[in-house]
C-alpha atoms as a PDB file:
ATOM      1  CA  MET A   1       4.557   5.780  21.950  1.00  0.00           C
ATOM      2  CA  VAL A   2       5.983   4.186  18.819  1.00  0.00           C
ATOM      3  CA  GLY A   3       3.259   2.511  16.780  1.00  0.00           C
ATOM      4  CA  TRP A   4       0.427   4.327  18.513  1.00  0.00           C
ATOM      5  CA  GLY A   5      -1.986   7.030  17.621  1.00  0.00           C
ATOM      6  CA  ALA A   6      -4.791   8.384  19.776  1.00  0.00           C
ATOM      7  CA  PRO A   7      -6.992  11.428  20.194  1.00  0.00           C
ATOM      8  CA  ARG A   8      -5.173  13.969  22.299  1.00  0.00           C
ATOM      9  CA  ASP A   9      -7.600  13.741  25.228  1.00  0.00           C
ATOM     10  CA  MET A  10      -7.118   9.992  25.638  1.00  0.00           C
ATOM     11  CA  THR A  11      -4.678   8.659  28.217  1.00  0.00           C
ATOM     12  CA  SER A  12      -5.295   4.902  27.978  1.00  0.00           C
ATOM     13  CA  SER A  13      -2.501   2.933  26.353  1.00  0.00           C
ATOM     14  CA  LEU A  14      -4.685  -0.083  25.595  1.00  0.00           C
ATOM     15  CA  PRO A  15      -5.446  -0.553  21.880  1.00  0.00           C
ATOM     16  CA  GLU A  16      -9.020  -0.457  20.714  1.00  0.00           C
ATOM     17  CA  VAL A  17      -7.942  -0.917  17.093  1.00  0.00           C
ATOM     18  CA  ILE A  18      -5.214  -3.165  15.695  1.00  0.00           C
ATOM     19  CA  ALA A  19      -4.401  -2.274  12.092  1.00  0.00           C
ATOM     20  CA  ILE A  20      -2.351  -4.646   9.939  1.00  0.00           C
ATOM     21  CA  PHE A  21      -1.037  -3.274   6.652  1.00  0.00           C
ATOM     22  CA  GLY A  22       1.145  -4.877   4.024  1.00  0.00           C
ATOM     23  CA  PRO A  23       1.716  -5.209   0.292  1.00  0.00           C
ATOM     24  CA  THR A  24      -0.402  -7.563  -1.742  1.00  0.00           C
ATOM     25  CA  ALA A  25       0.459 -11.260  -1.170  1.00  0.00           C
ATOM     26  CA  SER A  26       2.159 -10.477   2.160  1.00  0.00           C
ATOM     27  CA  GLY A  27      -0.269 -12.693   4.086  1.00  0.00           C
ATOM     28  CA  LYS A  28      -1.930  -9.878   6.021  1.00  0.00           C
ATOM     29  CA  SER A  29      -5.476 -11.223   5.654  1.00  0.00           C
ATOM     30  CA  ALA A  30      -4.652 -14.644   7.117  1.00  0.00           C
ATOM     31  CA  ALA A  31      -2.671 -13.127   9.986  1.00  0.00           C
ATOM     32  CA  SER A  32      -5.430 -10.594  10.713  1.00  0.00           C
ATOM     33  CA  GLU A  33      -8.048 -13.327  10.934  1.00  0.00           C
ATOM     34  CA  ILE A  34      -5.969 -15.230  13.490  1.00  0.00           C
ATOM     35  CA  VAL A  35      -5.458 -12.071  15.547  1.00  0.00           C
ATOM     36  CA  ALA A  36      -9.194 -11.338  15.455  1.00  0.00           C
ATOM     37  CA  VAL A  37     -10.111 -14.877  16.551  1.00  0.00           C
ATOM     38  CA  GLU A  38      -7.607 -14.765  19.404  1.00  0.00           C
ATOM     39  CA  LEU A  39      -9.042 -11.448  20.613  1.00  0.00           C
ATOM     40  CA  GLY A  40     -12.679 -12.482  20.141  1.00  0.00           C
ATOM     41  CA  THR A  41     -13.466  -9.840  17.543  1.00  0.00           C
ATOM     42  CA  GLU A  42     -13.749  -9.439  13.757  1.00  0.00           C
ATOM     43  CA  VAL A  43     -11.871  -7.913  10.817  1.00  0.00           C
ATOM     44  CA  VAL A  44     -12.742  -4.732   8.917  1.00  0.00           C
ATOM     45  CA  SER A  45     -11.271  -4.593   5.409  1.00  0.00           C
ATOM     46  CA  ALA A  46      -9.386  -1.512   4.192  1.00  0.00           C
ATOM     47  CA  ASP A  47      -9.094  -2.551   0.548  1.00  0.00           C
ATOM     48  CA  ALA A  48     -10.438  -0.401  -2.280  1.00  0.00           C
ATOM     49  CA  LEU A  49     -10.989  -3.369  -4.617  1.00  0.00           C
ATOM     50  CA  GLN A  50     -12.497  -5.830  -2.160  1.00  0.00           C
ATOM     51  CA  VAL A  51     -15.503  -3.562  -1.627  1.00  0.00           C
ATOM     52  CA  TYR A  52     -16.815  -4.817  -4.993  1.00  0.00           C
ATOM     53  CA  SER A  53     -18.856  -7.999  -5.294  1.00  0.00           C
ATOM     54  CA  GLY A  54     -18.570 -10.455  -8.183  1.00  0.00           C
ATOM     55  CA  LEU A  55     -14.781 -10.711  -8.307  1.00  0.00           C
ATOM     56  CA  PRO A  56     -13.728 -12.780  -5.278  1.00  0.00           C
ATOM     57  CA  ILE A  57     -10.805 -14.406  -7.116  1.00  0.00           C
ATOM     58  CA  LEU A  58      -9.360 -11.339  -8.836  1.00  0.00           C
ATOM     59  CA  THR A  59      -9.607  -9.174  -5.706  1.00  0.00           C
ATOM     60  CA  ASN A  60      -8.457 -11.982  -3.381  1.00  0.00           C
ATOM     61  CA  GLN A  61     -11.406 -11.622  -1.056  1.00  0.00           C
ATOM     62  CA  PRO A  62     -10.907 -13.468   2.260  1.00  0.00           C
ATOM     63  CA  GLU A  63     -12.987 -16.595   2.836  1.00  0.00           C
ATOM     64  CA  PRO A  64     -13.920 -15.838   6.477  1.00  0.00           C
ATOM     65  CA  PRO A  65     -16.697 -13.211   6.766  1.00  0.00           C
ATOM     66  CA  THR A  66     -15.037  -9.784   6.779  1.00  0.00           C
ATOM     67  CA  HIS A  67     -16.648  -6.389   7.216  1.00  0.00           C
ATOM     68  CA  LEU A  68     -16.786  -4.100   4.138  1.00  0.00           C
ATOM     69  CA  VAL A  69     -15.993  -6.864   1.632  1.00  0.00           C
ATOM     70  CA  ALA A  70     -18.309  -7.298  -1.394  1.00  0.00           C
ATOM     71  CA  ILE A  71     -20.614  -4.474  -0.274  1.00  0.00           C
ATOM     72  CA  ARG A  72     -20.995  -2.718  -3.636  1.00  0.00           C
ATOM     73  CA  SER A  73     -21.954  -3.851  -7.103  1.00  0.00           C
ATOM     74  CA  LEU A  74     -19.422  -3.264  -9.849  1.00  0.00           C
ATOM     75  CA  SER A  75     -22.027  -1.071 -11.518  1.00  0.00           C
ATOM     76  CA  GLN A  76     -21.830   1.406  -8.616  1.00  0.00           C
ATOM     77  CA  GLU A  77     -19.375   4.198  -7.931  1.00  0.00           C
ATOM     78  CA  PHE A  78     -17.699   4.218  -4.522  1.00  0.00           C
ATOM     79  CA  SER A  79     -15.583   6.900  -2.839  1.00  0.00           C
ATOM     80  CA  VAL A  80     -13.149   7.011   0.047  1.00  0.00           C
ATOM     81  CA  GLY A  81     -15.576   9.369   1.793  1.00  0.00           C
ATOM     82  CA  GLU A  82     -18.321   6.733   1.679  1.00  0.00           C
ATOM     83  CA  TYR A  83     -15.853   4.126   2.855  1.00  0.00           C
ATOM     84  CA  ALA A  84     -14.696   6.252   5.809  1.00  0.00           C
ATOM     85  CA  LYS A  85     -18.195   6.576   7.256  1.00  0.00           C
ATOM     86  CA  LEU A  86     -18.891   2.858   6.895  1.00  0.00           C
ATOM     87  CA  ALA A  87     -15.510   1.910   8.388  1.00  0.00           C
ATOM     88  CA  HIS A  88     -15.974   4.194  11.397  1.00  0.00           C
ATOM     89  CA  ASP A  89     -19.399   2.682  12.051  1.00  0.00           C
ATOM     90  CA  GLU A  90     -18.103  -0.899  11.789  1.00  0.00           C
ATOM     91  CA  ILE A  91     -15.074  -0.221  13.987  1.00  0.00           C
ATOM     92  CA  ASP A  92     -17.142   1.574  16.627  1.00  0.00           C
ATOM     93  CA  GLU A  93     -19.626  -1.298  16.765  1.00  0.00           C
ATOM     94  CA  LEU A  94     -16.886  -3.921  17.131  1.00  0.00           C
ATOM     95  CA  VAL A  95     -15.203  -1.928  19.894  1.00  0.00           C
ATOM     96  CA  ARG A  96     -18.549  -1.535  21.656  1.00  0.00           C
ATOM     97  CA  ALA A  97     -19.312  -5.242  21.371  1.00  0.00           C
ATOM     98  CA  HIS A  98     -15.860  -6.785  21.841  1.00  0.00           C
ATOM     99  CA  GLY A  99     -13.563  -4.049  23.140  1.00  0.00           C
ATOM    100  CA  VAL A 100     -11.301  -4.177  20.092  1.00  0.00           C
ATOM    101  CA  ALA A 101     -11.434  -4.214  16.279  1.00  0.00           C
ATOM    102  CA  VAL A 102      -8.926  -5.494  13.715  1.00  0.00           C
ATOM    103  CA  VAL A 103      -8.443  -3.498  10.507  1.00  0.00           C
ATOM    104  CA  CYS A 104      -6.657  -5.159   7.604  1.00  0.00           C
ATOM    105  CA  GLY A 105      -5.785  -3.719   4.240  1.00  0.00           C
ATOM    106  CA  GLY A 106      -3.402  -2.810   1.510  1.00  0.00           C
ATOM    107  CA  THR A 107      -4.975   0.448   0.305  1.00  0.00           C
ATOM    108  CA  GLY A 108      -3.128   3.125   2.247  1.00  0.00           C
ATOM    109  CA  LEU A 109      -5.711   5.884   1.870  1.00  0.00           C
ATOM    110  CA  TYR A 110      -8.497   3.541   2.962  1.00  0.00           C
ATOM    111  CA  LEU A 111      -6.481   2.503   6.007  1.00  0.00           C
ATOM    112  CA  ARG A 112      -5.995   6.123   7.075  1.00  0.00           C
ATOM    113  CA  ALA A 113      -9.660   6.863   6.362  1.00  0.00           C
ATOM    114  CA  ALA A 114     -10.640   3.971   8.639  1.00  0.00           C
ATOM    115  CA  LEU A 115      -8.343   5.008  11.467  1.00  0.00           C
ATOM    116  CA  ALA A 116      -8.543   8.814  11.401  1.00  0.00           C
ATOM    117  CA  GLU A 117     -10.797  11.764  10.657  1.00  0.00           C
ATOM    118  CA  LEU A 118      -9.393  12.866   7.307  1.00  0.00           C
ATOM    119  CA  GLU A 119     -10.064  16.148   5.546  1.00  0.00           C
ATOM    120  CA  LEU A 120     -11.406  14.696   2.322  1.00  0.00           C
ATOM    121  CA  PRO A 121     -11.354  16.793  -0.878  1.00  0.00           C
ATOM    122  CA  PRO A 122     -14.683  17.954  -2.362  1.00  0.00           C
ATOM    123  CA  ALA A 123     -16.506  16.610  -5.394  1.00  0.00           C
ATOM    124  CA  VAL A 124     -16.058  18.308  -8.775  1.00  0.00           C
ATOM    125  CA  GLU A 125     -18.222  18.864 -11.832  1.00  0.00           C
ATOM    126  CA  THR A 126     -18.764  15.818 -14.068  1.00  0.00           C
ATOM    127  CA  SER A 127     -17.547  17.754 -17.109  1.00  0.00           C
ATOM    128  CA  VAL A 128     -14.242  18.559 -15.398  1.00  0.00           C
ATOM    129  CA  ARG A 129     -13.647  14.902 -14.574  1.00  0.00           C
ATOM    130  CA  ALA A 130     -14.542  13.813 -18.113  1.00  0.00           C
ATOM    131  CA  ARG A 131     -12.010  16.252 -19.565  1.00  0.00           C
ATOM    132  CA  TRP A 132      -9.173  14.995 -17.350  1.00  0.00           C
ATOM    133  CA  GLU A 133     -10.151  11.381 -17.983  1.00  0.00           C
ATOM    134  CA  SER A 134      -9.904  12.003 -21.712  1.00  0.00           C
ATOM    135  CA  PHE A 135      -6.507  13.637 -21.248  1.00  0.00           C
ATOM    136  CA  TYR A 136      -5.210  10.693 -19.208  1.00  0.00           C
ATOM    137  CA  GLU A 137      -6.492   8.103 -21.670  1.00  0.00           C
ATOM    138  CA  SER A 138      -4.885   9.882 -24.612  1.00  0.00           C
ATOM    139  CA  ASP A 139      -1.471  10.092 -22.910  1.00  0.00           C
ATOM    140  CA  PRO A 140      -1.021   8.744 -19.325  1.00  0.00           C
ATOM    141  CA  SER A 141       2.596   9.945 -19.146  1.00  0.00           C
ATOM    142  CA  ALA A 142       1.673  13.478 -20.157  1.00  0.00           C
ATOM    143  CA  ALA A 143      -1.163  13.482 -17.606  1.00  0.00           C
ATOM    144  CA  TYR A 144       1.180  12.433 -14.829  1.00  0.00           C
ATOM    145  CA  MET A 145       3.751  15.053 -15.870  1.00  0.00           C
ATOM    146  CA  ARG A 146       1.008  17.669 -15.768  1.00  0.00           C
ATOM    147  CA  LEU A 147       0.141  16.551 -12.246  1.00  0.00           C
ATOM    148  CA  GLN A 148       3.784  16.910 -11.240  1.00  0.00           C
ATOM    149  CA  GLU A 149       3.618  20.519 -12.456  1.00  0.00           C
ATOM    150  CA  LEU A 150       0.299  21.376 -10.795  1.00  0.00           C
ATOM    151  CA  ASP A 151       0.649  19.456  -7.511  1.00  0.00           C
ATOM    152  CA  PRO A 152       4.060  17.816  -6.880  1.00  0.00           C
ATOM    153  CA  ALA A 153       2.959  16.563  -3.436  1.00  0.00           C
ATOM    154  CA  ALA A 154      -0.024  14.710  -4.915  1.00  0.00           C
ATOM    155  CA  ALA A 155       2.124  13.311  -7.730  1.00  0.00           C
ATOM    156  CA  ALA A 156       4.512  11.904  -5.120  1.00  0.00           C
ATOM    157  CA  MET A 157       1.749   9.944  -3.402  1.00  0.00           C
ATOM    158  CA  VAL A 158       0.014   8.409  -6.439  1.00  0.00           C
ATOM    159  CA  HIS A 159       1.338   5.940  -9.003  1.00  0.00           C
ATOM    160  CA  ARG A 160       1.407   7.165 -12.604  1.00  0.00           C
ATOM    161  CA  ASN A 161      -0.541   4.034 -13.653  1.00  0.00           C
ATOM    162  CA  ASP A 162      -3.315   4.657 -11.108  1.00  0.00           C
ATOM    163  CA  ARG A 163      -5.687   6.280 -13.556  1.00  0.00           C
ATOM    164  CA  ARG A 164      -8.463   7.003 -11.090  1.00  0.00           C
ATOM    165  CA  ARG A 165      -6.282   8.794  -8.548  1.00  0.00           C
ATOM    166  CA  VAL A 166      -4.196  10.675 -11.115  1.00  0.00           C
ATOM    167  CA  VAL A 167      -7.413  12.039 -12.646  1.00  0.00           C
ATOM    168  CA  ARG A 168      -8.767  12.894  -9.198  1.00  0.00           C
ATOM    169  CA  ALA A 169      -5.570  14.724  -8.295  1.00  0.00           C
ATOM    170  CA  LEU A 170      -5.623  16.695 -11.565  1.00  0.00           C
ATOM    171  CA  GLU A 171      -9.233  17.817 -11.215  1.00  0.00           C
ATOM    172  CA  LEU A 172      -8.618  18.956  -7.641  1.00  0.00           C
ATOM    173  CA  ALA A 173      -5.389  20.757  -8.551  1.00  0.00           C
ATOM    174  CA  GLU A 174      -7.160  22.652 -11.308  1.00  0.00           C
ATOM    175  CA  GLY A 175      -9.625  23.990  -8.740  1.00  0.00           C
ATOM    176  CA  GLY A 176      -6.919  25.011  -6.304  1.00  0.00           C
ATOM    177  CA  GLY A 177      -7.314  21.956  -4.063  1.00  0.00           C
ATOM    178  CA  SER A 178      -5.135  18.936  -3.464  1.00  0.00           C
ATOM    179  CA  LEU A 179      -5.437  15.214  -2.958  1.00  0.00           C
ATOM    180  CA  VAL A 180      -2.956  15.629  -0.094  1.00  0.00           C
ATOM    181  CA  PRO A 181      -4.661  16.474   3.228  1.00  0.00           C
ATOM    182  CA  THR A 182      -3.521  19.670   4.933  1.00  0.00           C
ATOM    183  CA  HIS A 183      -1.293  19.723   8.004  1.00  0.00           C
ATOM    184  CA  GLY A 184       0.296  16.399   7.089  1.00  0.00           C
ATOM    185  CA  ARG A 185      -2.553  14.479   8.712  1.00  0.00           C
ATOM    186  CA  LEU A 186      -2.342  11.719   6.126  1.00  0.00           C
ATOM    187  CA  TRP A 187       0.922  10.557   7.660  1.00  0.00           C
ATOM    188  CA  SER A 188       0.341  11.615  11.273  1.00  0.00           C
ATOM    189  CA  THR A 189      -0.096   9.284  14.249  1.00  0.00           C
ATOM    190  CA  GLU A 190      -3.390  10.887  15.224  1.00  0.00           C
ATOM    191  CA  THR A 191      -6.313   8.427  15.138  1.00  0.00           C
ATOM    192  CA  ARG A 192      -9.915   8.293  16.287  1.00  0.00           C
ATOM    193  CA  ARG A 193      -9.194   5.567  18.844  1.00  0.00           C
ATOM    194  CA  PRO A 194      -6.056   4.181  20.554  1.00  0.00           C
ATOM    195  CA  THR A 195      -4.498   2.225  17.719  1.00  0.00           C
ATOM    196  CA  LEU A 196      -1.588  -0.100  17.076  1.00  0.00           C
ATOM    197  CA  VAL A 197      -0.480  -0.056  13.433  1.00  0.00           C
ATOM    198  CA  VAL A 198       1.634  -3.002  12.258  1.00  0.00           C
ATOM    199  CA  GLY A 199       3.328  -3.250   8.868  1.00  0.00           C
ATOM    200  CA  LEU A 200       4.432  -6.532   7.288  1.00  0.00           C
ATOM    201  CA  GLU A 201       7.855  -6.388   5.677  1.00  0.00           C
ATOM    202  CA  LEU A 202       9.183  -8.994   3.221  1.00  0.00           C
ATOM    203  CA  PRO A 203      12.336  -9.133   1.074  1.00  0.00           C
ATOM    204  CA  PRO A 204      11.511  -8.171  -2.538  1.00  0.00           C
ATOM    205  CA  ASP A 205      12.479 -11.586  -3.907  1.00  0.00           C
ATOM    206  CA  ARG A 206      10.206 -13.403  -1.443  1.00  0.00           C
ATOM    207  CA  LEU A 207       7.323 -11.037  -2.200  1.00  0.00           C
ATOM    208  CA  GLU A 208       7.864 -11.650  -5.917  1.00  0.00           C
ATOM    209  CA  GLN A 209       7.639 -15.405  -5.321  1.00  0.00           C
ATOM    210  CA  ARG A 210       4.410 -15.000  -3.371  1.00  0.00           C
ATOM    211  CA  ILE A 211       2.876 -12.760  -6.032  1.00  0.00           C
ATOM    212  CA  ARG A 212       3.715 -15.255  -8.761  1.00  0.00           C
ATOM    213  CA  ALA A 213       2.413 -18.234  -6.772  1.00  0.00           C
ATOM    214  CA  ARG A 214      -0.820 -16.460  -5.896  1.00  0.00           C
ATOM    215  CA  THR A 215      -1.404 -15.309  -9.479  1.00  0.00           C
ATOM    216  CA  GLU A 216      -0.877 -18.842 -10.784  1.00  0.00           C
ATOM    217  CA  ALA A 217      -3.390 -20.098  -8.219  1.00  0.00           C
ATOM    218  CA  MET A 218      -5.895 -17.437  -9.310  1.00  0.00           C
ATOM    219  CA  PHE A 219      -5.668 -18.589 -12.926  1.00  0.00           C
ATOM    220  CA  ALA A 220      -6.024 -22.221 -11.856  1.00  0.00           C
ATOM    221  CA  ARG A 221      -9.200 -21.251  -9.972  1.00  0.00           C
ATOM    222  CA  GLY A 222     -10.683 -19.656 -13.092  1.00  0.00           C
ATOM    223  CA  VAL A 223     -10.065 -15.928 -12.730  1.00  0.00           C
ATOM    224  CA  LEU A 224     -10.451 -15.355 -16.491  1.00  0.00           C
ATOM    225  CA  ASP A 225     -13.912 -16.957 -16.492  1.00  0.00           C
ATOM    226  CA  GLU A 226     -14.813 -14.786 -13.494  1.00  0.00           C
ATOM    227  CA  VAL A 227     -13.758 -11.641 -15.342  1.00  0.00           C
ATOM    228  CA  ARG A 228     -15.616 -12.629 -18.513  1.00  0.00           C
ATOM    229  CA  ARG A 229     -18.834 -13.152 -16.506  1.00  0.00           C
ATOM    230  CA  VAL A 230     -18.481  -9.708 -14.962  1.00  0.00           C
ATOM    231  CA  LEU A 231     -17.834  -7.988 -18.294  1.00  0.00           C
ATOM    232  CA  ALA A 232     -20.973  -9.574 -19.721  1.00  0.00           C
ATOM    233  CA  GLY A 233     -23.025  -7.572 -17.215  1.00  0.00           C
ATOM    234  CA  GLU A 234     -23.203  -3.940 -16.150  1.00  0.00           C
ATOM    235  CA  ILE A 235     -20.001  -2.475 -14.773  1.00  0.00           C
ATOM    236  CA  SER A 236     -19.096   1.107 -13.977  1.00  0.00           C
ATOM    237  CA  ARG A 237     -16.350   2.720 -16.017  1.00  0.00           C
ATOM    238  CA  THR A 238     -14.435   3.557 -12.851  1.00  0.00           C
ATOM    239  CA  ALA A 239     -14.461  -0.016 -11.582  1.00  0.00           C
ATOM    240  CA  GLU A 240     -13.475  -1.478 -14.949  1.00  0.00           C
ATOM    241  CA  LYS A 241     -10.525   0.873 -15.381  1.00  0.00           C
ATOM    242  CA  ALA A 242      -9.354   0.480 -11.786  1.00  0.00           C
ATOM    243  CA  LEU A 243      -9.314  -3.292 -12.013  1.00  0.00           C
ATOM    244  CA  GLY A 244      -7.913  -3.527 -15.548  1.00  0.00           C
ATOM    245  CA  LEU A 245     -10.537  -6.124 -16.375  1.00  0.00           C
ATOM    246  CA  ARG A 246     -10.733  -5.950 -20.140  1.00  0.00           C
ATOM    247  CA  GLU A 247      -6.977  -6.225 -20.535  1.00  0.00           C
ATOM    248  CA  LEU A 248      -7.039  -9.695 -18.980  1.00  0.00           C
ATOM    249  CA  THR A 249      -9.534 -11.051 -21.500  1.00  0.00           C
ATOM    250  CA  GLU A 250      -7.848  -9.539 -24.558  1.00  0.00           C
ATOM    251  CA  LEU A 251      -4.595 -11.486 -24.127  1.00  0.00           C
ATOM    252  CA  PRO A 252      -3.759 -15.202 -24.371  1.00  0.00           C
ATOM    253  CA  SER A 253      -3.930 -16.847 -20.941  1.00  0.00           C
ATOM    254  CA  GLU A 254      -0.160 -17.086 -20.463  1.00  0.00           C
ATOM    255  CA  LEU A 255       0.414 -13.448 -21.426  1.00  0.00           C
ATOM    256  CA  ALA A 256      -2.535 -12.336 -19.292  1.00  0.00           C
ATOM    257  CA  GLN A 257      -0.992 -14.113 -16.321  1.00  0.00           C
ATOM    258  CA  GLU A 258       2.374 -12.427 -16.809  1.00  0.00           C
ATOM    259  CA  ARG A 259       0.687  -9.046 -17.285  1.00  0.00           C
ATOM    260  CA  LEU A 260      -1.213  -9.478 -14.018  1.00  0.00           C
ATOM    261  CA  ILE A 261       1.986 -10.478 -12.210  1.00  0.00           C
ATOM    262  CA  ALA A 262       3.758  -7.368 -13.516  1.00  0.00           C
ATOM    263  CA  ARG A 263       0.863  -5.104 -12.581  1.00  0.00           C
ATOM    264  CA  THR A 264       0.649  -6.648  -9.115  1.00  0.00           C
ATOM    265  CA  ARG A 265       4.395  -6.216  -8.644  1.00  0.00           C
ATOM    266  CA  ARG A 266       4.108  -2.498  -9.428  1.00  0.00           C
ATOM    267  CA  TYR A 267       1.194  -2.114  -7.053  1.00  0.00           C
ATOM    268  CA  ALA A 268       3.076  -3.918  -4.277  1.00  0.00           C
ATOM    269  CA  ALA A 269       5.998  -1.509  -4.692  1.00  0.00           C
ATOM    270  CA  TYR A 270       3.558   1.393  -4.350  1.00  0.00           C
ATOM    271  CA  GLN A 271       2.063  -0.189  -1.207  1.00  0.00           C
ATOM    272  CA  ARG A 272       5.515  -0.567   0.339  1.00  0.00           C
ATOM    273  CA  LYS A 273       6.121   3.156  -0.196  1.00  0.00           C
ATOM    274  CA  TRP A 274       2.832   3.902   1.518  1.00  0.00           C
ATOM    275  CA  MET A 275       3.680   1.620   4.421  1.00  0.00           C
ATOM    276  CA  ARG A 276       6.958   3.370   5.164  1.00  0.00           C
ATOM    277  CA  ARG A 277       5.101   6.683   5.464  1.00  0.00           C
ATOM    278  CA  ILE A 278       2.296   5.578   7.802  1.00  0.00           C
ATOM    279  CA  GLY A 279       2.656   7.484  11.053  1.00  0.00           C
ATOM    280  CA  GLY A 280       3.876   5.347  13.951  1.00  0.00           C
ATOM    281  CA  VAL A 281       3.838   2.039  12.083  1.00  0.00           C
ATOM    282  CA  VAL A 282       5.660  -0.881  13.775  1.00  0.00           C
ATOM    283  CA  MET A 283       7.382  -3.024  11.157  1.00  0.00           C
ATOM    284  CA  ILE A 284       7.614  -6.786  11.664  1.00  0.00           C
ATOM    285  CA  ASN A 285       8.896  -9.696   9.587  1.00  0.00           C
ATOM    286  CA  GLY A 286       6.094 -10.894   7.310  1.00  0.00           C
ATOM    287  CA  ASP A 287       8.122 -13.707   5.723  1.00  0.00           C
ATOM    288  CA  ARG A 288       6.717 -16.320   8.096  1.00  0.00           C
ATOM    289  CA  SER A 289       3.569 -18.360   8.512  1.00  0.00           C
ATOM    290  CA  PRO A 290       0.345 -16.444   9.275  1.00  0.00           C
ATOM    291  CA  LYS A 291       0.345 -17.967  12.776  1.00  0.00           C
ATOM    292  CA  GLU A 292       3.865 -16.714  13.497  1.00  0.00           C
ATOM    293  CA  VAL A 293       3.023 -13.249  12.207  1.00  0.00           C
ATOM    294  CA  ALA A 294      -0.187 -13.181  14.251  1.00  0.00           C
ATOM    295  CA  ASP A 295       1.675 -14.281  17.387  1.00  0.00           C
ATOM    296  CA  ASP A 296       4.113 -11.413  16.863  1.00  0.00           C
ATOM    297  CA  VAL A 297       1.247  -8.912  16.529  1.00  0.00           C
ATOM    298  CA  LEU A 298      -0.443 -10.293  19.648  1.00  0.00           C
ATOM    299  CA  GLY A 299       2.878 -10.018  21.483  1.00  0.00           C
ATOM    300  CA  LEU A 300       2.984  -6.310  20.624  1.00  0.00           C
ATOM    301  CA  VAL A 301      -0.567  -5.889  21.919  1.00  0.00           C
ATOM    302  CA  ARG A 302       0.149  -7.686  25.177  1.00  0.00           C
ATOM    303  CA  ALA A 303       3.386  -5.771  25.712  1.00  0.00           C
ATOM    304  CA  ARG A 304       1.341  -2.564  26.015  1.00  0.00           C
END
C-alpha cells in the first residue's frame, strides 16, 4: 500500500504508528499534537537537536510534553544508535498503552531510526575522528570533495555544511564502511510496525515566509540570551558545532538573525530532499492551519 511499511509477517492494515515529517517551520509539531490528542496518544520526537535541554527557543521545542525532547545535557554526546533504542521503547509503550503512537520530526535519519531496524555503522577510534574533524575545520569544501571521492552515495545524502555527518561519513569511508545502510533500507518502506508516513509539502516562498517569521519571533523571545547562558556553561564540542551557537553571539543582532534565517533555509532544503526519498511517504499540503493538516492526516488514517 502507498504510504505504508510493515514487517513482512504482518497482515493488518491498521496503523500502529503515524509519522509526520516536514521541513523546519512547516507546522508539523502543531499538527502532530492535534493528531495525537484526537487519537488519545502522545508524540515521540524525531529531531536531532530537540534531544538537548537548555535551548528550547533555538531548537523550537514544542510546549506540550513530547517524548525524547530535552533528554540530554548539551555537555553530553548523543548518537543515532542511542536514539533508536529510546525511540523504539517509547513507541512500543505508547502502542501497548493506547494502540497507536505519533512520531514527529524533521531529522530524516532519526525518523528512519525510530520507524525501522537500521544497520547502524560502527564506532571508530577517537584519533581517527579528531583527524577528520581537523581536516573539515581547515577546509570544509575540500573535506566534502574528499567524501565525494571516497563515498559518493554518502556525499549525496549529507549536506556539505553538516560538519558532524560529513566527518562521520569520512571516518567510516576510510575504514571501508559507509554512512549509507546496505540494501537500500534507509529509503525502504519496511518498518517495525504498521506505519503511515505523511510528508508536509509547502511552496518554497511560503516556507521562506514561515522561516523568517519564526526566526523573528525567536529573537523577540530572547534566543541570543538563551545561547549566551548555554555558552557560559559546559557544552560538548559536537553539540556546539552542530547548533552553530558561537556564531550567533559573535555577530550584531540583525546580522545574527539573517545568518540564522539563511542557515535554516539551507537546512529546510536538505529536509525536503530527505522527504522525497522516504519510502512510501504520502505527501499532503502543509500550507494550511495545523487543524486542517491534522484533519487531513486523520482522514488518511480512517480511510485505511
